[in-house]
Amino acid sequence: QFEKIISEKFKTGKRVKLTEKGSAITAWSMIHGLTEMVRNNEIDEIENIFNIGLEEIFDEMTAIWGKGVTSL
C-alpha cells in the first residue's frame, strides 16, 4: 500500500508541505525502523524481499527525504 501511494505521488509530482517537527519525526522513524531490522539481523531478508541493498536503501531514503521536505 505504501509503495502504491508513493508511486502515485511520483506520477502527479505532488508533494506535501511538512513541518520541521513532522520532518524530524519522519526521519527518525525511517532510521529507527531500518536500525531495528539491522539489529535483528534481518538485512538479508530485507534485501531479498525488496531486491535492493541496505546501502542503496539508505541512499534513496536520504534523497527522498531531503527532496520531499519543504517549509510552510
N, C-alpha and C. Protein backbone atom coordinates (compact mmCIF):
# COMPACT_ATOMS: atom_id res chain seq x y z
N GLN A 1 0.83 -1.19 0.00
CA GLN A 1 0.00 0.00 0.00
C GLN A 1 0.88 1.26 0.00
N PHE A 2 1.90 1.26 0.83
CA PHE A 2 2.79 2.42 0.92
C PHE A 2 3.49 2.68 -0.41
N GLU A 3 3.96 1.61 -1.05
CA GLU A 3 4.64 1.75 -2.34
C GLU A 3 3.68 2.32 -3.39
N LYS A 4 2.41 1.90 -3.35
CA LYS A 4 1.41 2.40 -4.29
C LYS A 4 1.18 3.90 -4.10
N ILE A 5 1.09 4.34 -2.87
CA ILE A 5 0.89 5.76 -2.57
C ILE A 5 2.07 6.58 -3.08
N ILE A 6 3.27 6.11 -2.81
CA ILE A 6 4.48 6.83 -3.27
C ILE A 6 4.51 6.88 -4.79
N SER A 7 4.18 5.77 -5.44
CA SER A 7 4.16 5.72 -6.89
C SER A 7 3.19 6.75 -7.46
N GLU A 8 2.03 6.87 -6.87
CA GLU A 8 1.04 7.85 -7.33
C GLU A 8 1.55 9.28 -7.14
N LYS A 9 2.22 9.55 -6.04
CA LYS A 9 2.78 10.89 -5.81
C LYS A 9 3.86 11.22 -6.82
N PHE A 10 4.67 10.24 -7.20
CA PHE A 10 5.70 10.46 -8.22
C PHE A 10 5.05 10.79 -9.56
N LYS A 11 3.95 10.12 -9.88
CA LYS A 11 3.27 10.36 -11.15
C LYS A 11 2.69 11.77 -11.22
N THR A 12 2.12 12.24 -10.12
CA THR A 12 1.46 13.55 -10.12
C THR A 12 2.44 14.67 -9.83
N GLY A 13 3.60 14.35 -9.28
CA GLY A 13 4.59 15.37 -8.95
C GLY A 13 4.20 16.19 -7.74
N LYS A 14 3.20 15.74 -6.99
CA LYS A 14 2.74 16.48 -5.82
C LYS A 14 3.54 16.10 -4.59
N ARG A 15 3.83 17.09 -3.78
CA ARG A 15 4.49 16.86 -2.50
C ARG A 15 3.68 17.55 -1.41
N VAL A 16 3.72 16.99 -0.26
CA VAL A 16 3.03 17.57 0.88
C VAL A 16 4.01 18.46 1.63
N LYS A 17 3.57 19.66 1.99
CA LYS A 17 4.43 20.51 2.81
C LYS A 17 4.43 19.97 4.23
N LEU A 18 5.63 19.90 4.80
CA LEU A 18 5.80 19.32 6.12
C LEU A 18 6.29 20.36 7.12
N THR A 19 6.02 20.10 8.36
CA THR A 19 6.56 20.94 9.42
C THR A 19 7.93 20.41 9.81
N GLU A 20 8.71 21.23 10.49
CA GLU A 20 10.01 20.77 10.97
C GLU A 20 9.84 19.61 11.93
N LYS A 21 8.86 19.71 12.80
CA LYS A 21 8.61 18.65 13.78
C LYS A 21 8.23 17.34 13.08
N GLY A 22 7.32 17.42 12.12
CA GLY A 22 6.92 16.22 11.38
C GLY A 22 8.07 15.63 10.59
N SER A 23 8.89 16.50 10.01
CA SER A 23 10.05 16.04 9.24
C SER A 23 11.04 15.31 10.13
N ALA A 24 11.28 15.86 11.31
CA ALA A 24 12.21 15.23 12.26
C ALA A 24 11.70 13.87 12.70
N ILE A 25 10.41 13.78 12.98
CA ILE A 25 9.81 12.51 13.41
C ILE A 25 9.89 11.49 12.27
N THR A 26 9.62 11.93 11.05
CA THR A 26 9.68 11.04 9.89
C THR A 26 11.08 10.50 9.68
N ALA A 27 12.07 11.40 9.72
CA ALA A 27 13.46 10.97 9.53
C ALA A 27 13.87 9.99 10.62
N TRP A 28 13.54 10.29 11.86
CA TRP A 28 13.87 9.40 12.97
C TRP A 28 13.21 8.04 12.78
N SER A 29 11.95 8.05 12.36
CA SER A 29 11.21 6.79 12.19
C SER A 29 11.84 5.91 11.11
N MET A 30 12.25 6.54 10.00
CA MET A 30 12.87 5.76 8.93
C MET A 30 14.17 5.14 9.40
N ILE A 31 15.00 5.92 10.04
CA ILE A 31 16.29 5.42 10.52
C ILE A 31 16.07 4.35 11.60
N HIS A 32 15.14 4.62 12.52
CA HIS A 32 14.87 3.68 13.61
C HIS A 32 14.38 2.33 13.06
N GLY A 33 13.49 2.38 12.07
CA GLY A 33 12.96 1.14 11.50
C GLY A 33 14.04 0.30 10.86
N LEU A 34 14.89 0.92 10.06
CA LEU A 34 15.98 0.17 9.44
C LEU A 34 17.00 -0.31 10.46
N THR A 35 17.25 0.51 11.45
CA THR A 35 18.19 0.11 12.51
C THR A 35 17.70 -1.12 13.25
N GLU A 36 16.40 -1.17 13.54
CA GLU A 36 15.82 -2.33 14.21
C GLU A 36 15.98 -3.59 13.35
N MET A 37 15.77 -3.45 12.06
CA MET A 37 15.92 -4.60 11.17
C MET A 37 17.37 -5.07 11.15
N VAL A 38 18.30 -4.13 11.10
CA VAL A 38 19.72 -4.48 11.12
C VAL A 38 20.08 -5.14 12.45
N ARG A 39 19.59 -4.58 13.52
CA ARG A 39 19.87 -5.11 14.86
C ARG A 39 19.34 -6.53 15.01
N ASN A 40 18.22 -6.80 14.37
CA ASN A 40 17.61 -8.13 14.44
C ASN A 40 18.13 -9.07 13.36
N ASN A 41 19.24 -8.68 12.72
CA ASN A 41 19.87 -9.48 11.67
C ASN A 41 18.91 -9.85 10.54
N GLU A 42 18.08 -8.92 10.14
CA GLU A 42 17.13 -9.15 9.06
C GLU A 42 17.61 -8.50 7.75
N ILE A 43 18.88 -8.15 7.67
CA ILE A 43 19.39 -7.45 6.50
C ILE A 43 19.20 -8.27 5.23
N ASP A 44 19.62 -9.52 5.23
CA ASP A 44 19.50 -10.36 4.04
C ASP A 44 18.04 -10.51 3.63
N GLU A 45 17.18 -10.69 4.61
CA GLU A 45 15.74 -10.85 4.33
C GLU A 45 15.18 -9.58 3.68
N ILE A 46 15.52 -8.44 4.22
CA ILE A 46 15.05 -7.16 3.68
C ILE A 46 15.59 -6.96 2.26
N GLU A 47 16.87 -7.21 2.08
CA GLU A 47 17.48 -7.03 0.75
C GLU A 47 16.84 -7.96 -0.28
N ASN A 48 16.52 -9.18 0.13
CA ASN A 48 15.90 -10.14 -0.78
C ASN A 48 14.45 -9.78 -1.10
N ILE A 49 13.70 -9.36 -0.10
CA ILE A 49 12.30 -9.00 -0.30
C ILE A 49 12.18 -7.82 -1.26
N PHE A 50 12.99 -6.80 -1.03
CA PHE A 50 12.87 -5.58 -1.81
C PHE A 50 13.84 -5.51 -2.99
N ASN A 51 14.70 -6.52 -3.10
CA ASN A 51 15.68 -6.59 -4.19
C ASN A 51 16.51 -5.30 -4.28
N ILE A 52 16.99 -4.86 -3.13
CA ILE A 52 17.83 -3.67 -3.05
C ILE A 52 18.75 -3.81 -1.83
N GLY A 53 19.98 -3.36 -1.97
CA GLY A 53 20.94 -3.46 -0.87
C GLY A 53 20.70 -2.41 0.21
N LEU A 54 21.15 -2.69 1.40
CA LEU A 54 20.95 -1.79 2.53
C LEU A 54 21.55 -0.40 2.26
N GLU A 55 22.74 -0.36 1.70
CA GLU A 55 23.36 0.93 1.40
C GLU A 55 22.52 1.72 0.41
N GLU A 56 21.98 1.04 -0.59
CA GLU A 56 21.10 1.71 -1.56
C GLU A 56 19.83 2.22 -0.90
N ILE A 57 19.30 1.44 0.05
CA ILE A 57 18.10 1.87 0.78
C ILE A 57 18.38 3.18 1.51
N PHE A 58 19.51 3.24 2.22
CA PHE A 58 19.85 4.46 2.95
C PHE A 58 20.08 5.63 2.00
N ASP A 59 20.74 5.38 0.86
CA ASP A 59 20.97 6.44 -0.12
C ASP A 59 19.65 6.99 -0.66
N GLU A 60 18.73 6.10 -1.02
CA GLU A 60 17.45 6.55 -1.56
C GLU A 60 16.60 7.22 -0.49
N MET A 61 16.63 6.68 0.71
CA MET A 61 15.87 7.27 1.80
C MET A 61 16.34 8.70 2.06
N THR A 62 17.63 8.92 2.05
CA THR A 62 18.18 10.25 2.26
C THR A 62 17.75 11.20 1.15
N ALA A 63 17.84 10.74 -0.08
CA ALA A 63 17.46 11.58 -1.22
C ALA A 63 15.97 11.91 -1.21
N ILE A 64 15.14 10.91 -0.97
CA ILE A 64 13.69 11.13 -0.94
C ILE A 64 13.31 12.07 0.19
N TRP A 65 13.84 11.84 1.34
CA TRP A 65 13.51 12.69 2.49
C TRP A 65 13.98 14.11 2.24
N GLY A 66 15.19 14.26 1.75
CA GLY A 66 15.74 15.60 1.52
C GLY A 66 15.00 16.38 0.47
N LYS A 67 14.59 15.72 -0.61
CA LYS A 67 13.89 16.40 -1.69
C LYS A 67 12.43 16.63 -1.36
N GLY A 68 11.88 15.82 -0.49
CA GLY A 68 10.44 15.91 -0.21
C GLY A 68 10.07 16.91 0.85
N VAL A 69 11.04 17.48 1.53
CA VAL A 69 10.74 18.40 2.62
C VAL A 69 10.73 19.83 2.10
N THR A 70 9.66 20.52 2.36
CA THR A 70 9.57 21.94 2.05
C THR A 70 9.05 22.68 3.28
N SER A 71 9.36 23.92 3.38
CA SER A 71 8.90 24.67 4.54
C SER A 71 7.50 25.21 4.30
N LEU A 72 6.79 25.46 5.37
CA LEU A 72 5.44 26.02 5.26
C LEU A 72 5.48 27.51 4.96
